[in-house]
Amino acid sequence: GEALEVNREVNCLTDFIYGCEDQLQKLKKQKEKGLLFGIPISIKDHVNCKGHISSGRMVKFLGQVKEEDSVIVRVLKHQGAIPFVKTNIPQTMINYNCSNLIFGQMLNPLNHQKSPGGSSGGDGALIAGGGSMLGSGLDVAGSIRLPSSFCGLCGLKPTGNRI
């Protein structure tokens, strides 16, 4: 509910991951719960989730539904995290202003006159707005660090040996 409220205000989501409630019920029955048991996590648009589109916000890829989860989504699920939404990004992820021609401009929840930054701006806005506790993304040129800074959050840049 909170994620949808934040989205109405700042335009940070692209999709709801149906089946997340079922995933939680299955996890509750497992003996091994995982390090992230029950924590809802937002997934950046370009990260593949089975049954969802990962378009990079390009019209060319809008009809291509992914047939399997990416490695990071599989690892997160194995550790008990619950991917529940996909978050908005700038087109092709190469922009510090978080907007695209499909979903439009995202707003910073702390100041609607400003951007949440990019390219993980959807995650930054969602978390800063109180709609999620944890988000995922990559950081090559500031994609986590910039939205974290713009939205008053703490971000962790992942490396090859740290997920």
N, C-alpha and C. Protein backbone atom coordinates (compact mmCIF):
# COMPACT_ATOMS: atom_id res chain seq x y z
N GLY A 1 0.78 -1.18 0.00
CA GLY A 1 0.00 0.00 0.00
C GLY A 1 0.84 1.28 0.00
N GLU A 2 1.90 1.30 0.85
CA GLU A 2 2.75 2.49 0.94
C GLU A 2 3.47 2.76 -0.39
N ALA A 3 3.92 1.71 -1.04
CA ALA A 3 4.63 1.87 -2.31
C ALA A 3 3.73 2.53 -3.35
N LEU A 4 2.46 2.13 -3.39
CA LEU A 4 1.53 2.72 -4.36
C LEU A 4 1.24 4.17 -4.04
N GLU A 5 1.16 4.50 -2.76
CA GLU A 5 0.97 5.90 -2.35
C GLU A 5 2.16 6.76 -2.78
N VAL A 6 3.36 6.26 -2.54
CA VAL A 6 4.57 6.99 -2.94
C VAL A 6 4.59 7.15 -4.45
N ASN A 7 4.23 6.09 -5.18
CA ASN A 7 4.21 6.16 -6.64
C ASN A 7 3.26 7.22 -7.15
N ARG A 8 2.09 7.34 -6.55
CA ARG A 8 1.13 8.37 -6.97
C ARG A 8 1.73 9.76 -6.82
N GLU A 9 2.59 9.92 -5.85
CA GLU A 9 3.19 11.22 -5.57
C GLU A 9 4.40 11.51 -6.46
N VAL A 10 5.24 10.49 -6.73
CA VAL A 10 6.53 10.76 -7.39
C VAL A 10 6.80 9.96 -8.67
N ASN A 11 5.89 9.04 -9.06
CA ASN A 11 6.04 8.30 -10.31
C ASN A 11 7.28 7.42 -10.34
N CYS A 12 7.45 6.57 -9.34
CA CYS A 12 8.69 5.79 -9.21
C CYS A 12 8.57 4.33 -9.61
N LEU A 13 7.36 3.81 -9.84
CA LEU A 13 7.18 2.38 -10.13
C LEU A 13 6.80 2.13 -11.58
N THR A 14 7.17 0.95 -12.06
CA THR A 14 6.77 0.55 -13.40
C THR A 14 5.89 -0.70 -13.38
N ASP A 15 5.97 -1.50 -12.32
CA ASP A 15 5.23 -2.76 -12.29
C ASP A 15 5.16 -3.30 -10.87
N PHE A 16 4.08 -4.02 -10.58
CA PHE A 16 3.93 -4.76 -9.33
C PHE A 16 4.25 -6.21 -9.62
N ILE A 17 5.06 -6.85 -8.81
CA ILE A 17 5.45 -8.24 -9.04
C ILE A 17 4.42 -9.14 -8.36
N TYR A 18 3.47 -9.62 -9.17
CA TYR A 18 2.43 -10.51 -8.65
C TYR A 18 3.07 -11.82 -8.22
N GLY A 19 2.51 -12.42 -7.22
CA GLY A 19 3.06 -13.67 -6.70
C GLY A 19 3.98 -13.45 -5.51
N CYS A 20 4.26 -12.21 -5.16
CA CYS A 20 5.16 -11.96 -4.03
C CYS A 20 4.53 -12.45 -2.72
N GLU A 21 3.19 -12.37 -2.61
CA GLU A 21 2.53 -12.87 -1.41
C GLU A 21 2.67 -14.39 -1.32
N ASP A 22 2.52 -15.07 -2.45
CA ASP A 22 2.70 -16.52 -2.48
C ASP A 22 4.12 -16.91 -2.10
N GLN A 23 5.09 -16.13 -2.58
CA GLN A 23 6.50 -16.40 -2.26
C GLN A 23 6.72 -16.33 -0.75
N LEU A 24 6.13 -15.33 -0.10
CA LEU A 24 6.28 -15.20 1.35
C LEU A 24 5.67 -16.39 2.07
N GLN A 25 4.51 -16.85 1.64
CA GLN A 25 3.87 -18.00 2.29
C GLN A 25 4.72 -19.26 2.15
N LYS A 26 5.34 -19.45 0.97
CA LYS A 26 6.24 -20.59 0.77
C LYS A 26 7.47 -20.48 1.66
N LEU A 27 8.02 -19.27 1.78
CA LEU A 27 9.20 -19.07 2.62
C LEU A 27 8.92 -19.39 4.08
N LYS A 28 7.74 -19.04 4.55
CA LYS A 28 7.37 -19.29 5.95
C LYS A 28 7.40 -20.78 6.28
N LYS A 29 7.14 -21.62 5.28
CA LYS A 29 7.10 -23.07 5.49
C LYS A 29 8.48 -23.71 5.40
N GLN A 30 9.47 -22.99 4.85
CA GLN A 30 10.81 -23.54 4.70
C GLN A 30 11.55 -23.53 6.03
N LYS A 31 12.40 -24.53 6.20
CA LYS A 31 13.21 -24.61 7.42
C LYS A 31 14.27 -23.51 7.41
N GLU A 32 14.99 -23.38 6.28
CA GLU A 32 16.02 -22.34 6.14
C GLU A 32 15.35 -21.07 5.64
N LYS A 33 15.37 -20.02 6.43
CA LYS A 33 14.66 -18.78 6.08
C LYS A 33 15.50 -17.82 5.23
N GLY A 34 16.80 -17.81 5.37
CA GLY A 34 17.65 -16.89 4.61
C GLY A 34 17.93 -15.62 5.37
N LEU A 35 18.99 -14.94 4.99
CA LEU A 35 19.44 -13.73 5.69
C LEU A 35 18.51 -12.54 5.52
N LEU A 36 17.71 -12.54 4.46
CA LEU A 36 16.81 -11.41 4.18
C LEU A 36 15.34 -11.83 4.31
N PHE A 37 15.08 -12.83 5.14
CA PHE A 37 13.74 -13.41 5.24
C PHE A 37 12.65 -12.36 5.43
N GLY A 38 11.72 -12.34 4.49
CA GLY A 38 10.53 -11.50 4.59
C GLY A 38 10.71 -10.04 4.27
N ILE A 39 11.90 -9.61 3.89
CA ILE A 39 12.13 -8.20 3.61
C ILE A 39 11.69 -7.88 2.17
N PRO A 40 10.71 -6.98 2.02
CA PRO A 40 10.31 -6.58 0.68
C PRO A 40 11.42 -5.76 0.02
N ILE A 41 11.68 -6.03 -1.25
CA ILE A 41 12.75 -5.34 -1.97
C ILE A 41 12.25 -4.90 -3.33
N SER A 42 12.61 -3.69 -3.70
CA SER A 42 12.25 -3.18 -5.03
C SER A 42 13.37 -3.56 -6.00
N ILE A 43 12.99 -3.81 -7.24
CA ILE A 43 13.91 -4.25 -8.27
C ILE A 43 13.93 -3.21 -9.39
N LYS A 44 15.12 -2.73 -9.73
CA LYS A 44 15.30 -1.73 -10.78
C LYS A 44 14.83 -2.29 -12.12
N ASP A 45 14.21 -1.44 -12.93
CA ASP A 45 13.58 -1.85 -14.19
C ASP A 45 14.45 -2.76 -15.06
N HIS A 46 15.72 -2.50 -15.18
CA HIS A 46 16.53 -3.27 -16.13
C HIS A 46 16.87 -4.68 -15.63
N VAL A 47 16.57 -4.99 -14.38
CA VAL A 47 16.88 -6.31 -13.82
C VAL A 47 15.72 -7.25 -14.14
N ASN A 48 16.03 -8.39 -14.74
CA ASN A 48 15.01 -9.32 -15.20
C ASN A 48 14.29 -10.02 -14.05
N CYS A 49 12.96 -10.00 -14.13
CA CYS A 49 12.08 -10.75 -13.24
C CYS A 49 11.15 -11.57 -14.13
N LYS A 50 11.07 -12.85 -13.85
CA LYS A 50 10.24 -13.74 -14.66
C LYS A 50 8.82 -13.20 -14.77
N GLY A 51 8.33 -13.15 -16.02
CA GLY A 51 6.96 -12.70 -16.28
C GLY A 51 6.80 -11.19 -16.39
N HIS A 52 7.92 -10.45 -16.36
CA HIS A 52 7.86 -8.99 -16.41
C HIS A 52 8.79 -8.47 -17.51
N ILE A 53 8.58 -7.22 -17.87
CA ILE A 53 9.38 -6.56 -18.91
C ILE A 53 10.56 -5.84 -18.27
N SER A 54 11.71 -5.91 -18.90
CA SER A 54 12.90 -5.15 -18.50
C SER A 54 13.35 -4.37 -19.72
N SER A 55 12.73 -3.23 -19.96
CA SER A 55 12.88 -2.55 -21.24
C SER A 55 14.01 -1.54 -21.30
N GLY A 56 14.59 -1.16 -20.18
CA GLY A 56 15.52 -0.03 -20.19
C GLY A 56 14.79 1.25 -20.57
N ARG A 57 13.47 1.21 -20.49
CA ARG A 57 12.56 2.30 -20.83
C ARG A 57 12.65 2.67 -22.30
N MET A 58 12.89 1.66 -23.15
CA MET A 58 12.91 1.86 -24.60
C MET A 58 11.72 1.13 -25.22
N VAL A 59 10.98 1.82 -26.08
CA VAL A 59 9.79 1.28 -26.70
C VAL A 59 10.09 -0.04 -27.41
N LYS A 60 11.25 -0.14 -28.00
CA LYS A 60 11.65 -1.34 -28.75
C LYS A 60 11.50 -2.61 -27.93
N PHE A 61 11.72 -2.53 -26.60
CA PHE A 61 11.73 -3.72 -25.76
C PHE A 61 10.46 -3.90 -24.92
N LEU A 62 9.45 -3.07 -25.11
CA LEU A 62 8.27 -3.11 -24.25
C LEU A 62 7.49 -4.42 -24.30
N GLY A 63 7.46 -5.10 -25.42
CA GLY A 63 6.69 -6.34 -25.52
C GLY A 63 7.43 -7.59 -25.13
N GLN A 64 8.65 -7.47 -24.67
CA GLN A 64 9.47 -8.65 -24.40
C GLN A 64 9.42 -9.04 -22.92
N VAL A 65 8.54 -9.99 -22.60
CA VAL A 65 8.39 -10.47 -21.24
C VAL A 65 9.51 -11.48 -20.96
N LYS A 66 10.17 -11.33 -19.83
CA LYS A 66 11.31 -12.19 -19.48
C LYS A 66 10.83 -13.56 -18.99
N GLU A 67 11.55 -14.59 -19.40
CA GLU A 67 11.16 -15.96 -19.07
C GLU A 67 11.79 -16.48 -17.79
N GLU A 68 12.81 -15.77 -17.28
CA GLU A 68 13.41 -16.22 -16.02
C GLU A 68 13.96 -15.03 -15.24
N ASP A 69 14.13 -15.24 -13.95
CA ASP A 69 14.72 -14.22 -13.08
C ASP A 69 16.21 -14.09 -13.35
N SER A 70 16.74 -12.89 -13.18
CA SER A 70 18.18 -12.67 -13.28
C SER A 70 18.86 -13.30 -12.06
N VAL A 71 20.17 -13.41 -12.12
CA VAL A 71 20.93 -14.02 -11.03
C VAL A 71 20.68 -13.27 -9.72
N ILE A 72 20.71 -11.94 -9.74
CA ILE A 72 20.54 -11.18 -8.50
C ILE A 72 19.16 -11.43 -7.90
N VAL A 73 18.13 -11.54 -8.71
CA VAL A 73 16.77 -11.81 -8.20
C VAL A 73 16.73 -13.21 -7.60
N ARG A 74 17.37 -14.17 -8.26
CA ARG A 74 17.40 -15.54 -7.71
C ARG A 74 18.13 -15.57 -6.37
N VAL A 75 19.25 -14.86 -6.26
CA VAL A 75 20.01 -14.81 -5.00
C VAL A 75 19.17 -14.15 -3.90
N LEU A 76 18.53 -13.03 -4.23
CA LEU A 76 17.70 -12.34 -3.24
C LEU A 76 16.56 -13.23 -2.76
N LYS A 77 15.89 -13.91 -3.66
CA LYS A 77 14.81 -14.82 -3.28
C LYS A 77 15.35 -15.97 -2.43
N HIS A 78 16.50 -16.53 -2.81
CA HIS A 78 17.11 -17.62 -2.04
C HIS A 78 17.41 -17.18 -0.61
N GLN A 79 17.75 -15.90 -0.44
CA GLN A 79 18.03 -15.37 0.89
C GLN A 79 16.77 -14.89 1.62
N GLY A 80 15.60 -15.12 1.02
CA GLY A 80 14.35 -14.82 1.68
C GLY A 80 13.75 -13.46 1.38
N ALA A 81 14.42 -12.64 0.57
CA ALA A 81 13.87 -11.33 0.21
C ALA A 81 12.64 -11.52 -0.68
N ILE A 82 11.75 -10.56 -0.66
CA ILE A 82 10.51 -10.62 -1.44
C ILE A 82 10.50 -9.48 -2.46
N PRO A 83 10.94 -9.73 -3.70
CA PRO A 83 10.81 -8.70 -4.73
C PRO A 83 9.33 -8.41 -4.96
N PHE A 84 8.93 -7.12 -4.81
CA PHE A 84 7.50 -6.82 -4.89
C PHE A 84 7.14 -5.76 -5.92
N VAL A 85 8.08 -4.94 -6.36
CA VAL A 85 7.82 -3.95 -7.40
C VAL A 85 9.05 -3.77 -8.27
N LYS A 86 8.83 -3.28 -9.48
CA LYS A 86 9.93 -2.85 -10.35
C LYS A 86 9.91 -1.33 -10.38
N THR A 87 11.10 -0.73 -10.38
CA THR A 87 11.19 0.72 -10.25
C THR A 87 11.65 1.40 -11.54
N ASN A 88 11.22 2.62 -11.69
CA ASN A 88 11.45 3.44 -12.87
C ASN A 88 12.91 3.89 -12.97
N ILE A 89 13.34 4.12 -14.19
CA ILE A 89 14.71 4.56 -14.49
C ILE A 89 14.69 5.56 -15.63
N PRO A 90 15.76 6.31 -15.83
CA PRO A 90 15.85 7.11 -17.05
C PRO A 90 16.09 6.20 -18.25
N GLN A 91 15.71 6.65 -19.42
CA GLN A 91 15.90 5.85 -20.63
C GLN A 91 17.36 5.45 -20.76
N THR A 92 17.59 4.19 -20.99
CA THR A 92 18.90 3.54 -21.14
C THR A 92 19.79 3.69 -19.90
N MET A 93 19.28 4.24 -18.83
CA MET A 93 19.99 4.41 -17.56
C MET A 93 21.15 5.40 -17.62
N ILE A 94 21.29 6.12 -18.70
CA ILE A 94 22.43 7.02 -18.83
C ILE A 94 21.95 8.46 -18.68
N ASN A 95 21.52 8.81 -17.47
CA ASN A 95 21.07 10.17 -17.21
C ASN A 95 20.95 10.37 -15.70
N TYR A 96 21.35 11.51 -15.23
CA TYR A 96 21.23 11.81 -13.81
C TYR A 96 19.87 12.39 -13.47
N ASN A 97 19.12 12.86 -14.46
CA ASN A 97 17.73 13.27 -14.27
C ASN A 97 16.89 12.05 -14.56
N CYS A 98 16.03 11.68 -13.67
CA CYS A 98 15.31 10.42 -13.81
C CYS A 98 13.98 10.63 -14.53
N SER A 99 14.02 10.52 -15.86
CA SER A 99 12.81 10.62 -16.66
C SER A 99 12.97 9.76 -17.91
N ASN A 100 11.83 9.42 -18.52
CA ASN A 100 11.86 8.67 -19.77
C ASN A 100 10.56 8.96 -20.51
N LEU A 101 10.52 8.63 -21.78
CA LEU A 101 9.36 8.95 -22.62
C LEU A 101 8.18 8.01 -22.40
N ILE A 102 8.38 6.91 -21.69
CA ILE A 102 7.29 5.95 -21.46
C ILE A 102 6.53 6.30 -20.18
N PHE A 103 7.25 6.49 -19.08
CA PHE A 103 6.62 6.76 -17.80
C PHE A 103 6.71 8.22 -17.37
N GLY A 104 7.55 8.99 -18.03
CA GLY A 104 7.65 10.41 -17.71
C GLY A 104 8.65 10.74 -16.62
N GLN A 105 8.50 11.92 -16.05
CA GLN A 105 9.42 12.46 -15.04
C GLN A 105 9.13 11.88 -13.65
N MET A 106 10.18 11.46 -12.98
CA MET A 106 10.07 11.08 -11.58
C MET A 106 10.41 12.29 -10.72
N LEU A 107 9.81 12.36 -9.54
CA LEU A 107 10.03 13.48 -8.64
C LEU A 107 10.73 13.01 -7.37
N ASN A 108 11.50 13.90 -6.81
CA ASN A 108 12.15 13.63 -5.53
C ASN A 108 11.09 13.78 -4.43
N PRO A 109 10.90 12.76 -3.57
CA PRO A 109 9.86 12.86 -2.54
C PRO A 109 10.14 13.93 -1.49
N LEU A 110 11.39 14.37 -1.38
CA LEU A 110 11.74 15.40 -0.41
C LEU A 110 11.50 16.80 -0.96
N ASN A 111 11.49 16.93 -2.29
CA ASN A 111 11.28 18.22 -2.94
C ASN A 111 10.82 17.95 -4.37
N HIS A 112 9.54 18.14 -4.64
CA HIS A 112 8.98 17.81 -5.95
C HIS A 112 9.50 18.69 -7.08
N GLN A 113 10.27 19.70 -6.77
CA GLN A 113 10.88 20.55 -7.79
C GLN A 113 12.21 19.97 -8.27
N LYS A 114 12.62 18.86 -7.66
CA LYS A 114 13.93 18.27 -7.98
C LYS A 114 13.77 16.82 -8.42
N SER A 115 14.82 16.30 -9.04
CA SER A 115 14.88 14.92 -9.48
C SER A 115 15.38 14.04 -8.34
N PRO A 116 15.00 12.75 -8.35
CA PRO A 116 15.60 11.84 -7.38
C PRO A 116 16.99 11.36 -7.80
N GLY A 117 17.44 11.81 -8.97
CA GLY A 117 18.74 11.37 -9.48
C GLY A 117 18.60 10.09 -10.29
N GLY A 118 19.69 9.68 -10.91
CA GLY A 118 19.63 8.49 -11.74
C GLY A 118 20.93 7.73 -11.70
N SER A 119 20.92 6.54 -12.06
CA SER A 119 19.81 5.93 -12.76
C SER A 119 18.85 5.15 -11.87
N SER A 120 19.20 4.89 -10.64
CA SER A 120 18.30 4.17 -9.72
C SER A 120 17.34 5.12 -9.03
N GLY A 121 16.87 6.13 -9.75
CA GLY A 121 16.01 7.15 -9.18
C GLY A 121 14.68 6.62 -8.67
N GLY A 122 14.12 5.62 -9.34
CA GLY A 122 12.87 5.02 -8.87
C GLY A 122 13.04 4.39 -7.51
N ASP A 123 14.14 3.66 -7.33
CA ASP A 123 14.43 3.06 -6.02
C ASP A 123 14.68 4.14 -4.97
N GLY A 124 15.47 5.15 -5.33
CA GLY A 124 15.76 6.23 -4.38
C GLY A 124 14.50 6.93 -3.93
N ALA A 125 13.62 7.26 -4.88
CA ALA A 125 12.37 7.95 -4.54
C ALA A 125 11.45 7.06 -3.71
N LEU A 126 11.36 5.78 -4.08
CA LEU A 126 10.49 4.85 -3.35
C LEU A 126 10.95 4.69 -1.90
N ILE A 127 12.23 4.50 -1.70
CA ILE A 127 12.75 4.29 -0.35
C ILE A 127 12.66 5.58 0.47
N ALA A 128 13.06 6.70 -0.11
CA ALA A 128 12.99 7.98 0.61
C ALA A 128 11.55 8.36 0.94
N GLY A 129 10.61 7.94 0.10
CA GLY A 129 9.20 8.23 0.34
C GLY A 129 8.54 7.28 1.32
N GLY A 130 9.26 6.25 1.77
CA GLY A 130 8.72 5.30 2.75
C GLY A 130 7.98 4.13 2.15
N GLY A 131 8.16 3.86 0.84
CA GLY A 131 7.45 2.77 0.19
C GLY A 131 8.20 1.46 0.14
N SER A 132 9.46 1.45 0.52
CA SER A 132 10.27 0.23 0.54
C SER A 132 11.42 0.42 1.52
N MET A 133 11.90 -0.69 2.05
CA MET A 133 13.04 -0.64 2.96
C MET A 133 14.36 -0.83 2.23
N LEU A 134 14.31 -1.51 1.09
CA LEU A 134 15.52 -1.93 0.42
C LEU A 134 15.28 -1.98 -1.08
N GLY A 135 16.28 -1.54 -1.84
CA GLY A 135 16.21 -1.59 -3.29
C GLY A 135 17.46 -2.23 -3.84
N SER A 136 17.44 -2.55 -5.11
CA SER A 136 18.61 -3.15 -5.74
C SER A 136 18.97 -2.36 -6.98
N GLY A 137 20.21 -2.43 -7.37
CA GLY A 137 20.65 -1.75 -8.58
C GLY A 137 22.12 -1.98 -8.81
N LEU A 138 22.62 -1.37 -9.85
CA LEU A 138 24.04 -1.41 -10.18
C LEU A 138 24.57 0.00 -10.10
N ASP A 139 25.88 0.15 -9.96
CA ASP A 139 26.46 1.48 -9.87
C ASP A 139 27.77 1.50 -10.64
N VAL A 140 27.70 1.94 -11.88
CA VAL A 140 28.89 2.09 -12.70
C VAL A 140 29.35 3.54 -12.68
N ALA A 141 28.40 4.47 -12.87
CA ALA A 141 28.74 5.89 -12.94
C ALA A 141 27.95 6.73 -11.94
N GLY A 142 27.56 6.12 -10.84
CA GLY A 142 26.83 6.86 -9.81
C GLY A 142 25.38 6.47 -9.68
N SER A 143 24.97 5.38 -10.30
CA SER A 143 23.56 4.99 -10.35
C SER A 143 22.92 4.72 -8.99
N ILE A 144 23.68 4.38 -8.00
CA ILE A 144 23.18 4.23 -6.64
C ILE A 144 23.59 5.43 -5.81
N ARG A 145 24.81 5.85 -5.96
CA ARG A 145 25.34 6.95 -5.14
C ARG A 145 24.59 8.26 -5.36
N LEU A 146 24.24 8.59 -6.60
CA LEU A 146 23.53 9.84 -6.87
C LEU A 146 22.12 9.86 -6.29
N PRO A 147 21.26 8.86 -6.58
CA PRO A 147 19.94 8.89 -5.96
C PRO A 147 20.00 8.85 -4.43
N SER A 148 20.96 8.13 -3.88
CA SER A 148 21.12 8.11 -2.43
C SER A 148 21.39 9.51 -1.91
N SER A 149 22.30 10.19 -2.56
CA SER A 149 22.64 11.55 -2.15
C SER A 149 21.47 12.51 -2.36
N PHE A 150 20.83 12.44 -3.52
CA PHE A 150 19.72 13.35 -3.84
C PHE A 150 18.54 13.15 -2.90
N CYS A 151 18.34 11.91 -2.43
CA CYS A 151 17.16 11.58 -1.63
C CYS A 151 17.45 11.42 -0.14
N GLY A 152 18.67 11.73 0.29
CA GLY A 152 19.00 11.66 1.71
C GLY A 152 19.09 10.25 2.26
N LEU A 153 19.61 9.33 1.46
CA LEU A 153 19.70 7.92 1.85
C LEU A 153 21.14 7.46 1.93
N CYS A 154 21.31 6.25 2.41
CA CYS A 154 22.62 5.60 2.39
C CYS A 154 22.56 4.52 1.32
N GLY A 155 23.53 4.53 0.41
CA GLY A 155 23.58 3.53 -0.64
C GLY A 155 24.86 2.73 -0.54
N LEU A 156 24.81 1.50 -0.99
CA LEU A 156 25.97 0.62 -0.97
C LEU A 156 26.28 0.21 -2.40
N LYS A 157 27.47 0.57 -2.87
CA LYS A 157 27.87 0.20 -4.22
C LYS A 157 28.30 -1.27 -4.22
N PRO A 158 27.60 -2.10 -5.00
CA PRO A 158 27.96 -3.51 -5.04
C PRO A 158 29.25 -3.75 -5.83
N THR A 159 29.96 -4.78 -5.47
CA THR A 159 31.16 -5.19 -6.21
C THR A 159 31.02 -6.67 -6.54
N GLY A 160 31.97 -7.19 -7.26
CA GLY A 160 31.92 -8.59 -7.68
C GLY A 160 31.84 -9.57 -6.53
N ASN A 161 32.40 -9.25 -5.40
CA ASN A 161 32.41 -10.18 -4.26
C ASN A 161 31.46 -9.76 -3.16
N ARG A 162 30.59 -8.79 -3.44
CA ARG A 162 29.66 -8.33 -2.40
C ARG A 162 28.29 -8.11 -3.01
N ILE A 163 27.33 -8.88 -2.57
CA ILE A 163 25.94 -8.67 -2.98
C ILE A 163 25.21 -8.18 -1.75
